[in-house]
Amino acid sequence: MCCQPMTSNIRLRVCAAVLVFLAASALANAGTETVLYRFQGGNDGYLPADLIADAKGNLFGTTGLGGTGPCTDPFTGAVVGCGTVYELTPPTVSGGAWTHTILYDFPNGTSGIANDGVGAGNLLFDTAGNLYLTTESGGASNYGTVFQLAPPTVSGGSWTATVIADFTSLADGAVPNGLVIDHASNLYGTTSSGGALLGGVVFELTPPTTSGGSWTKTTLYSFKGGPNIGVGDGAEPQGLTLDATGNIYGGTNWGGICQGEGGCYGVIFKLTKPATSGGAWTEKVLYRFPNAEGTPDAGLVVDKTGNLYGTGYGGVIQLTIVGGKWTLNYLHLFNGQNNDGNGTFGGVTLDKSGNVFGTTEVGGTSNDGIVFELSPPAVSGGAWTENILYNFAGGTDGIAPFFRVIFRHGSTLYGTTGLGGNQSCVRYSEVGCGTVFAVVP
């Protein structure tokens, strides 16, 4: 029986053994993969998450564990590092090694530098070159934080860490899980729990008006669609995206249509920006999922025509407006059969031609995940075409790509795997500290 995907704050597959199968009709890789960095599982961190890139092609990312800080692995109870923020610099000569540099090493969970958090999340840049990220726990009350990392003022200097938001009570929100930024450097994010009704919140962080001042945190919306029978507005939001006018879109992986304690499937929602400064944001549910296949598990992306794209437990989804009503399309459903992928958690990336790129946690020829491309149909209403760009092969090339891929240098895709690579990390039956990889289609 194949290992099945499962969701958690740090998503891992927990199986008794790693099953490797090769079918007679194995799908060939359409692209070429290169491992840019293999985490060693010590001070350099392990369990890498999302990547971003700067204009020079340097890659930046976080690791959920590892580093030097004394934190406890929530799955094994072992004392491990609290996570890191790192940079990978391209080689100066073709074929050379990428240079790995630790920008920040979380020293602890509840004390130390500005009550830093534990388990770093996604990163983003502002126009001044500052990095921002969320931590799912840590801070004064262990409900999570939002960090700013300011670049050094002199070459080779240290980055400066500042906690700009600390979630100190459940009513305030708990477990922040992602950020987006607008043109005025306002940050928007979600917490997957907490808020007035404990269904999670959407919050805004407004930068200070004077240097060194405090950021202002405002709750824009508290979700109330928890595990109750009925129809609700959703719960457990999972990241955001902004349209060109500043409206917010996102998904929840709970709430919505509920048929009992185990049967709430999430929603896609929109928060409309107020017409006047200081006004209330308006929430509207665009779509309620009727079953678990489409339940969103990451942030959405919006294309130039306003269509929304994302991943759910079962595949890749698209929402379009037809006749004034939002309509859901499944671009592809993954089930692991015939060496297809299975388990889509990380969101998707679009190119300028409207092709959709992403990863699956498991599936593929070795059941260790794939990188895929979905191409739009030649005629309206036709089927999207899947192209498997790379099958992870269960070893040093990486296992379990949990997160989305990004574009840099033309058509090259970059991403991370949570497992595989260096074999020194072992959690349950899963082996490997994770990798950063590039795939050229």
Protein backbone atom coordinates (compact mmCIF):
# COMPACT_ATOMS: atom_id res chain seq x y z
CA MET A 1 0.00 0.00 0.00
CA CYS A 2 1.38 3.40 -0.96
CA CYS A 3 2.21 6.05 1.62
CA GLN A 4 -0.68 8.50 1.76
CA PRO A 5 -0.28 12.26 2.11
CA MET A 6 -1.32 13.93 5.35
CA THR A 7 -1.57 17.55 6.43
CA SER A 8 -0.07 19.34 9.45
CA ASN A 9 1.77 22.58 10.21
CA ILE A 10 4.96 20.86 9.15
CA ARG A 11 3.75 18.33 6.62
CA LEU A 12 5.41 14.95 6.83
CA ARG A 13 4.50 11.53 5.56
CA VAL A 14 4.43 8.99 8.34
CA CYS A 15 4.58 5.46 6.97
CA ALA A 16 6.08 2.20 8.15
CA ALA A 17 8.40 1.95 5.18
CA VAL A 18 9.31 3.76 2.02
CA LEU A 19 7.70 1.97 -0.90
CA VAL A 20 9.44 2.23 -4.24
CA PHE A 21 7.59 0.97 -7.24
CA LEU A 22 8.38 1.05 -10.95
CA ALA A 23 5.55 0.47 -13.37
CA ALA A 24 6.01 -0.81 -16.88
CA SER A 25 4.45 2.35 -18.25
CA ALA A 26 6.66 4.69 -16.17
CA LEU A 27 6.43 8.34 -17.14
CA ALA A 28 9.76 9.77 -18.25
CA ASN A 29 11.07 13.05 -16.90
CA ALA A 30 10.53 15.90 -19.34
CA GLY A 31 13.03 18.16 -17.57
CA THR A 32 16.43 18.08 -15.92
CA GLU A 33 16.87 18.43 -12.15
CA THR A 34 19.91 19.80 -10.34
CA VAL A 35 20.32 19.78 -6.56
CA LEU A 36 21.65 23.20 -5.54
CA TYR A 37 22.03 22.44 -1.85
CA ARG A 38 21.58 19.46 0.49
CA PHE A 39 20.88 20.41 4.09
CA GLN A 40 23.09 18.65 6.63
CA GLY A 41 20.60 18.60 9.51
CA GLY A 42 22.72 20.52 11.98
CA ASN A 43 23.38 24.23 12.31
CA ASP A 44 22.39 24.80 8.68
CA GLY A 45 18.83 23.60 9.38
CA TYR A 46 16.46 21.06 7.88
CA LEU A 47 12.86 20.83 6.65
CA PRO A 48 13.17 23.73 4.16
CA ALA A 49 10.02 25.65 3.19
CA ASP A 50 9.14 28.16 0.43
CA LEU A 51 11.75 30.01 -1.62
CA ILE A 52 11.90 33.56 -2.94
CA ALA A 53 14.50 35.23 -5.16
CA ASP A 54 15.93 38.73 -5.47
CA ALA A 55 16.71 40.61 -8.66
CA LYS A 56 20.24 39.19 -8.75
CA GLY A 57 19.05 35.58 -8.70
CA ASN A 58 19.98 34.88 -5.08
CA LEU A 59 17.58 32.49 -3.37
CA PHE A 60 16.23 32.96 0.15
CA GLY A 61 14.38 30.46 2.29
CA THR A 62 13.66 29.15 5.75
CA THR A 63 14.01 25.85 7.55
CA GLY A 64 11.43 24.76 10.09
CA LEU A 65 13.99 23.06 12.34
CA GLY A 66 17.75 22.96 12.82
CA GLY A 67 20.18 25.69 13.68
CA THR A 68 21.61 26.22 17.15
CA GLY A 69 18.58 27.20 19.24
CA PRO A 70 17.24 24.66 21.80
CA CYS A 71 13.71 23.86 20.64
CA THR A 72 11.72 20.62 20.78
CA ASP A 73 10.72 18.71 17.66
CA PRO A 74 6.91 18.52 17.97
CA PHE A 75 6.86 15.09 16.31
CA THR A 76 9.69 13.29 18.09
CA GLY A 77 10.23 15.26 21.30
CA ALA A 78 13.94 15.58 20.55
CA VAL A 79 15.77 18.83 21.33
CA VAL A 80 16.62 20.40 17.98
CA GLY A 81 17.30 23.82 16.50
CA CYS A 82 14.50 26.37 16.22
CA GLY A 83 14.91 27.03 12.50
CA THR A 84 16.93 29.30 10.24
CA VAL A 85 16.69 31.87 7.47
CA TYR A 86 19.28 31.31 4.74
CA GLU A 87 20.54 32.64 1.41
CA LEU A 88 21.86 30.65 -1.54
CA THR A 89 24.14 32.61 -3.84
CA PRO A 90 24.73 31.38 -7.42
CA PRO A 91 28.24 30.26 -8.40
CA THR A 92 30.50 32.73 -10.15
CA VAL A 93 31.45 30.12 -12.76
CA SER A 94 29.12 27.80 -14.61
CA GLY A 95 28.75 24.46 -12.86
CA GLY A 96 30.18 25.70 -9.57
CA ALA A 97 28.62 25.21 -6.16
CA TRP A 98 25.99 27.53 -4.72
CA THR A 99 27.03 29.26 -1.50
CA HIS A 100 24.82 28.71 1.56
CA THR A 101 24.77 31.48 4.19
CA ILE A 102 22.74 31.63 7.42
CA LEU A 103 21.12 35.06 7.70
CA TYR A 104 19.34 34.36 10.97
CA ASP A 105 19.35 31.50 13.44
CA PHE A 106 16.34 31.46 15.77
CA PRO A 107 17.95 31.19 19.22
CA ASN A 108 14.88 30.07 21.20
CA GLY A 109 11.12 30.13 21.33
CA THR A 110 10.07 32.41 24.16
CA SER A 111 13.07 34.56 25.04
CA GLY A 112 16.25 35.90 23.54
CA ILE A 113 16.28 38.40 20.70
CA ALA A 114 12.89 40.13 20.73
CA ASN A 115 10.95 36.99 21.75
CA ASP A 116 11.67 35.37 18.42
CA GLY A 117 9.47 32.64 17.06
CA VAL A 118 9.88 29.00 16.18
CA GLY A 119 9.46 27.29 12.82
CA ALA A 120 9.96 29.90 10.14
CA GLY A 121 7.36 30.35 7.41
CA ASN A 122 7.24 32.00 4.01
CA LEU A 123 9.43 34.98 3.13
CA LEU A 124 8.82 38.16 1.15
CA PHE A 125 10.77 41.32 0.31
CA ASP A 126 9.79 44.96 0.48
CA THR A 127 11.22 47.60 -1.88
CA ALA A 128 13.97 48.47 0.63
CA GLY A 129 15.30 44.92 0.70
CA ASN A 130 13.89 43.96 4.11
CA LEU A 131 12.71 40.39 4.53
CA TYR A 132 9.48 39.48 6.32
CA LEU A 133 8.32 36.12 7.59
CA THR A 134 5.90 34.48 9.98
CA THR A 135 6.57 31.91 12.68
CA GLU A 136 3.85 29.42 13.55
CA SER A 137 4.75 29.39 17.24
CA GLY A 138 7.00 31.19 19.66
CA GLY A 139 6.75 34.72 20.91
CA ALA A 140 5.63 35.85 24.36
CA SER A 141 2.55 33.57 24.41
CA ASN A 142 3.76 30.92 21.95
CA TYR A 143 1.04 31.87 19.44
CA GLY A 144 3.46 32.99 16.72
CA THR A 145 5.08 36.16 15.42
CA VAL A 146 5.82 38.27 12.35
CA PHE A 147 9.50 39.14 11.83
CA GLN A 148 11.42 41.72 9.87
CA LEU A 149 15.02 41.01 8.86
CA ALA A 150 16.84 44.18 7.80
CA PRO A 151 19.89 43.75 5.53
CA PRO A 152 23.33 44.73 6.80
CA THR A 153 24.44 48.32 6.31
CA VAL A 154 27.94 47.17 5.32
CA SER A 155 28.97 44.26 3.11
CA GLY A 156 29.37 41.09 5.13
CA GLY A 157 27.55 42.47 8.16
CA SER A 158 24.70 40.81 10.06
CA TRP A 159 21.01 41.03 9.30
CA THR A 160 18.96 42.65 12.07
CA ALA A 161 15.92 40.81 13.40
CA THR A 162 12.90 42.65 14.79
CA VAL A 163 9.56 41.19 15.88
CA ILE A 164 6.97 43.54 14.36
CA ALA A 165 3.92 41.60 15.58
CA ASP A 166 3.52 39.14 18.45
CA PHE A 167 0.24 37.26 18.76
CA THR A 168 -0.31 37.32 22.50
CA SER A 169 -3.84 35.95 22.92
CA LEU A 170 -6.21 33.58 21.13
CA ALA A 171 -8.60 36.45 20.49
CA ASP A 172 -5.75 38.18 18.65
CA GLY A 173 -5.19 35.19 16.34
CA ALA A 174 -2.78 32.28 16.60
CA VAL A 175 -0.47 30.37 14.24
CA PRO A 176 0.24 32.94 11.50
CA ASN A 177 0.92 31.13 8.25
CA GLY A 178 1.82 33.49 5.47
CA LEU A 179 2.18 37.07 4.24
CA VAL A 180 1.59 39.24 1.19
CA ILE A 181 2.60 42.88 0.69
CA ASP A 182 1.03 45.78 -1.22
CA HIS A 183 2.61 48.78 -2.98
CA ALA A 184 2.54 50.84 0.23
CA SER A 185 4.46 48.12 2.15
CA ASN A 186 1.41 47.14 4.19
CA LEU A 187 1.54 43.46 5.11
CA TYR A 188 -1.48 41.15 5.08
CA GLY A 189 -1.59 37.68 6.54
CA THR A 190 -3.71 34.95 8.07
CA THR A 191 -3.71 32.96 11.27
CA SER A 192 -5.06 29.44 11.04
CA SER A 193 -6.71 29.62 14.47
CA GLY A 194 -7.71 32.14 17.11
CA GLY A 195 -9.68 35.31 16.57
CA ALA A 196 -13.00 36.36 18.06
CA LEU A 197 -14.63 33.04 17.11
CA LEU A 198 -11.48 30.86 16.97
CA GLY A 199 -11.77 30.20 13.24
CA GLY A 200 -8.67 32.20 12.34
CA VAL A 201 -8.26 35.78 11.13
CA VAL A 202 -7.04 37.97 8.30
CA PHE A 203 -4.82 40.75 9.65
CA GLU A 204 -3.03 43.83 8.35
CA LEU A 205 0.29 45.26 9.54
CA THR A 206 0.83 48.94 8.74
CA PRO A 207 4.43 50.21 8.82
CA PRO A 208 5.42 52.94 11.28
CA THR A 209 5.29 56.56 10.16
CA THR A 210 8.65 57.31 11.80
CA SER A 211 11.88 55.30 11.76
CA GLY A 212 12.01 52.87 14.66
CA GLY A 213 8.32 53.19 15.44
CA SER A 214 5.89 50.33 16.01
CA TRP A 215 3.88 48.55 13.37
CA THR A 216 0.10 48.69 13.74
CA LYS A 217 -1.75 45.39 13.64
CA THR A 218 -5.43 45.37 12.69
CA THR A 219 -7.75 42.38 12.43
CA LEU A 220 -9.63 42.75 9.16
CA TYR A 221 -11.83 39.69 9.54
CA SER A 222 -12.47 36.86 12.04
CA PHE A 223 -13.80 33.59 10.61
CA LYS A 224 -16.72 31.95 12.35
CA GLY A 225 -17.28 28.81 10.28
CA GLY A 226 -15.94 26.21 12.69
CA PRO A 227 -16.80 22.51 13.05
CA ASN A 228 -20.55 22.95 13.35
CA ILE A 229 -23.21 21.39 11.18
CA GLY A 230 -24.50 23.92 8.68
CA VAL A 231 -23.10 26.41 6.20
CA GLY A 232 -20.44 28.89 7.31
CA ASP A 233 -17.88 31.39 6.09
CA GLY A 234 -14.89 29.07 6.56
CA ALA A 235 -12.21 28.45 9.16
CA GLU A 236 -8.43 27.89 9.16
CA PRO A 237 -7.42 30.32 6.37
CA GLN A 238 -4.28 29.28 4.48
CA GLY A 239 -2.60 32.29 2.90
CA LEU A 240 -3.64 35.22 0.72
CA THR A 241 -3.22 36.92 -2.62
CA LEU A 242 -3.94 40.52 -3.70
CA ASP A 243 -5.51 41.70 -6.94
CA ALA A 244 -4.48 44.87 -8.78
CA THR A 245 -6.94 47.02 -6.79
CA GLY A 246 -5.91 45.74 -3.36
CA ASN A 247 -8.73 43.29 -2.72
CA ILE A 248 -7.76 40.12 -0.86
CA TYR A 249 -8.47 36.52 -1.90
CA GLY A 250 -7.81 33.36 0.03
CA GLY A 251 -8.97 29.88 0.95
CA THR A 252 -9.77 28.03 4.15
CA ASN A 253 -9.34 24.30 4.67
CA TRP A 254 -12.17 24.00 7.17
CA GLY A 255 -15.66 25.38 7.62
CA GLY A 256 -18.01 26.16 4.78
CA ILE A 257 -20.37 23.26 4.13
CA CYS A 258 -20.27 21.05 7.22
CA GLN A 259 -21.96 17.68 7.50
CA GLY A 260 -20.68 16.75 10.95
CA GLU A 261 -17.48 16.82 12.97
CA GLY A 262 -15.38 15.25 10.22
CA GLY A 263 -16.93 16.82 7.16
CA CYS A 264 -16.16 20.51 6.62
CA TYR A 265 -14.42 21.19 3.33
CA GLY A 266 -13.41 24.85 3.22
CA VAL A 267 -14.19 27.89 1.10
CA ILE A 268 -12.68 30.43 -1.28
CA PHE A 269 -13.29 33.97 -0.01
CA LYS A 270 -12.81 37.59 -1.01
CA LEU A 271 -12.25 40.59 1.25
CA THR A 272 -13.15 43.83 -0.50
CA LYS A 273 -11.14 46.89 0.39
CA PRO A 274 -13.18 49.69 2.02
CA ALA A 275 -14.01 52.71 -0.11
CA THR A 276 -12.78 55.10 2.57
CA SER A 277 -9.76 54.93 4.85
CA GLY A 278 -10.58 53.27 8.15
CA GLY A 279 -13.72 51.60 6.86
CA ALA A 280 -14.57 47.93 7.33
CA TRP A 281 -13.46 45.26 4.89
CA THR A 282 -16.31 43.19 3.46
CA GLU A 283 -16.03 39.39 3.31
CA LYS A 284 -17.80 37.33 0.66
CA VAL A 285 -17.65 33.57 0.18
CA LEU A 286 -17.01 32.93 -3.51
CA TYR A 287 -17.20 29.14 -3.37
CA ARG A 288 -17.91 26.44 -0.78
CA PHE A 289 -16.34 23.07 -1.48
CA PRO A 290 -18.84 20.20 -1.40
CA ASN A 291 -16.21 17.52 -0.69
CA ALA A 292 -12.58 17.11 0.32
CA GLU A 293 -11.13 16.91 -3.18
CA GLY A 294 -10.72 20.64 -3.62
CA THR A 295 -10.13 21.77 -0.05
CA PRO A 296 -7.49 24.52 -0.38
CA ASP A 297 -4.24 23.97 1.49
CA ALA A 298 -2.16 26.98 0.43
CA GLY A 299 -2.48 30.51 -0.88
CA LEU A 300 -4.08 31.29 -4.23
CA VAL A 301 -2.67 33.14 -7.24
CA VAL A 302 -4.60 35.46 -9.55
CA ASP A 303 -3.95 35.85 -13.28
CA LYS A 304 -4.19 39.04 -15.35
CA THR A 305 -7.87 38.40 -16.13
CA GLY A 306 -8.87 37.83 -12.50
CA ASN A 307 -9.08 34.03 -12.49
CA LEU A 308 -7.91 32.31 -9.30
CA TYR A 309 -5.70 29.21 -9.13
CA GLY A 310 -4.64 27.00 -6.25
CA THR A 311 -4.12 23.50 -4.94
CA GLY A 312 -6.35 21.33 -2.82
CA TYR A 313 -5.98 17.90 -1.34
CA GLY A 314 -6.96 16.34 -4.64
CA GLY A 315 -5.54 18.51 -7.37
CA VAL A 316 -5.30 21.91 -9.05
CA ILE A 317 -8.33 24.20 -9.07
CA GLN A 318 -9.35 27.27 -11.06
CA LEU A 319 -12.12 29.72 -10.22
CA THR A 320 -13.58 31.86 -12.99
CA ILE A 321 -16.55 34.20 -13.20
CA VAL A 322 -19.25 32.85 -15.54
CA GLY A 323 -22.47 34.82 -15.83
CA GLY A 324 -21.68 36.80 -12.71
CA LYS A 325 -21.13 33.66 -10.63
CA TRP A 326 -17.82 32.13 -9.54
CA THR A 327 -17.41 28.68 -11.04
CA LEU A 328 -14.92 26.00 -9.98
CA ASN A 329 -12.94 23.98 -12.52
CA TYR A 330 -10.63 21.10 -11.70
CA LEU A 331 -7.67 21.49 -14.04
CA HIS A 332 -6.25 18.16 -12.91
CA LEU A 333 -7.07 15.62 -10.20
CA PHE A 334 -4.13 13.64 -8.84
CA ASN A 335 -4.63 10.12 -7.55
CA GLY A 336 -1.20 8.51 -7.83
CA GLN A 337 -2.33 6.07 -10.49
CA ASN A 338 -0.21 5.39 -13.57
CA ASN A 339 2.72 7.15 -11.87
CA ASP A 340 0.88 10.46 -11.62
CA GLY A 341 1.42 12.65 -8.56
CA ASN A 342 -0.60 12.67 -5.35
CA GLY A 343 -0.96 15.13 -2.50
CA THR A 344 -0.91 18.80 -3.60
CA PHE A 345 -0.22 21.19 -0.73
CA GLY A 346 2.11 23.94 -1.82
CA GLY A 347 0.17 26.15 -4.20
CA VAL A 348 0.98 26.87 -7.84
CA THR A 349 2.97 29.30 -9.99
CA LEU A 350 1.86 30.75 -13.34
CA ASP A 351 4.00 31.78 -16.30
CA LYS A 352 3.17 34.55 -18.78
CA SER A 353 1.51 32.08 -21.15
CA GLY A 354 -0.94 30.85 -18.52
CA ASN A 355 0.77 27.52 -17.83
CA VAL A 356 0.47 26.28 -14.25
CA PHE A 357 3.41 24.75 -12.36
CA GLY A 358 3.52 22.95 -9.04
CA THR A 359 4.57 19.92 -7.03
CA THR A 360 2.96 16.94 -5.38
CA GLU A 361 4.20 15.53 -2.10
CA VAL A 362 4.07 11.89 -3.17
CA GLY A 363 3.30 9.93 -6.33
CA GLY A 364 5.40 9.61 -9.43
CA THR A 365 7.51 6.66 -10.47
CA SER A 366 9.11 6.28 -7.02
CA ASN A 367 6.24 7.67 -4.91
CA ASP A 368 8.52 10.50 -3.77
CA GLY A 369 6.76 13.39 -5.52
CA ILE A 370 6.84 15.20 -8.84
CA VAL A 371 7.18 18.63 -10.44
CA PHE A 372 4.40 19.16 -12.96
CA GLU A 373 3.20 21.58 -15.62
CA LEU A 374 -0.43 22.04 -16.71
CA SER A 375 -0.94 23.67 -20.10
CA PRO A 376 -4.25 25.34 -21.03
CA PRO A 377 -6.41 23.83 -23.76
CA ALA A 378 -6.16 25.06 -27.33
CA VAL A 379 -9.94 25.63 -27.41
CA SER A 380 -12.15 26.98 -24.66
CA GLY A 381 -13.62 24.24 -22.48
CA GLY A 382 -11.05 21.65 -23.50
CA ALA A 383 -8.90 19.58 -21.15
CA TRP A 384 -5.68 20.88 -19.64
CA THR A 385 -2.57 18.86 -20.50
CA GLU A 386 -0.31 17.55 -17.75
CA ASN A 387 3.42 17.32 -18.33
CA ILE A 388 5.54 15.70 -15.60
CA LEU A 389 8.77 17.67 -15.54
CA TYR A 390 10.54 15.63 -12.89
CA ASN A 391 10.03 12.48 -10.81
CA PHE A 392 11.94 12.48 -7.53
CA ALA A 393 13.76 9.18 -7.20
CA GLY A 394 13.89 8.58 -3.48
CA GLY A 395 17.40 9.54 -2.53
CA THR A 396 19.93 12.31 -2.81
CA ASP A 397 17.81 14.24 -5.34
CA GLY A 398 15.14 14.87 -2.69
CA ILE A 399 11.86 13.44 -1.41
CA ALA A 400 8.50 15.12 -0.81
CA PRO A 401 8.40 18.58 -2.42
CA PHE A 402 5.83 20.15 -0.08
CA PHE A 403 5.96 23.72 -1.36
CA ARG A 404 5.47 25.70 -4.55
CA VAL A 405 8.12 26.28 -7.19
CA ILE A 406 9.25 29.71 -8.44
CA PHE A 407 10.72 30.98 -11.70
CA ARG A 408 14.14 32.57 -12.06
CA HIS A 409 16.48 32.89 -15.05
CA GLY A 410 13.88 32.44 -17.75
CA SER A 411 12.19 29.06 -17.60
CA THR A 412 14.17 27.51 -14.73
CA LEU A 413 12.06 26.44 -11.76
CA TYR A 414 13.38 26.43 -8.19
CA GLY A 415 11.96 24.67 -5.16
CA THR A 416 12.63 22.62 -2.05
CA THR A 417 12.02 19.09 -0.82
CA GLY A 418 11.29 18.49 2.83
CA LEU A 419 13.08 15.13 2.88
CA GLY A 420 15.79 13.30 0.95
CA GLY A 421 19.20 14.68 0.11
CA ASN A 422 21.65 14.13 2.97
CA GLN A 423 20.57 10.96 4.77
CA SER A 424 21.62 11.98 8.30
CA CYS A 425 18.16 13.24 9.32
CA VAL A 426 15.67 10.55 10.41
CA ARG A 427 12.15 11.22 11.71
CA TYR A 428 10.03 8.10 12.12
CA SER A 429 10.64 6.14 8.92
CA GLU A 430 11.37 9.25 6.85
CA VAL A 431 14.98 9.93 5.90
CA GLY A 432 16.78 13.02 4.64
CA CYS A 433 17.31 16.65 5.65
CA GLY A 434 15.82 18.22 2.52
CA THR A 435 17.16 19.93 -0.58
CA VAL A 436 16.96 23.02 -2.74
CA PHE A 437 16.62 22.08 -6.40
CA ALA A 438 16.33 23.54 -9.89
CA VAL A 439 14.37 22.00 -12.77
CA VAL A 440 14.83 23.07 -16.37
CA PRO A 441 11.75 21.96 -18.37
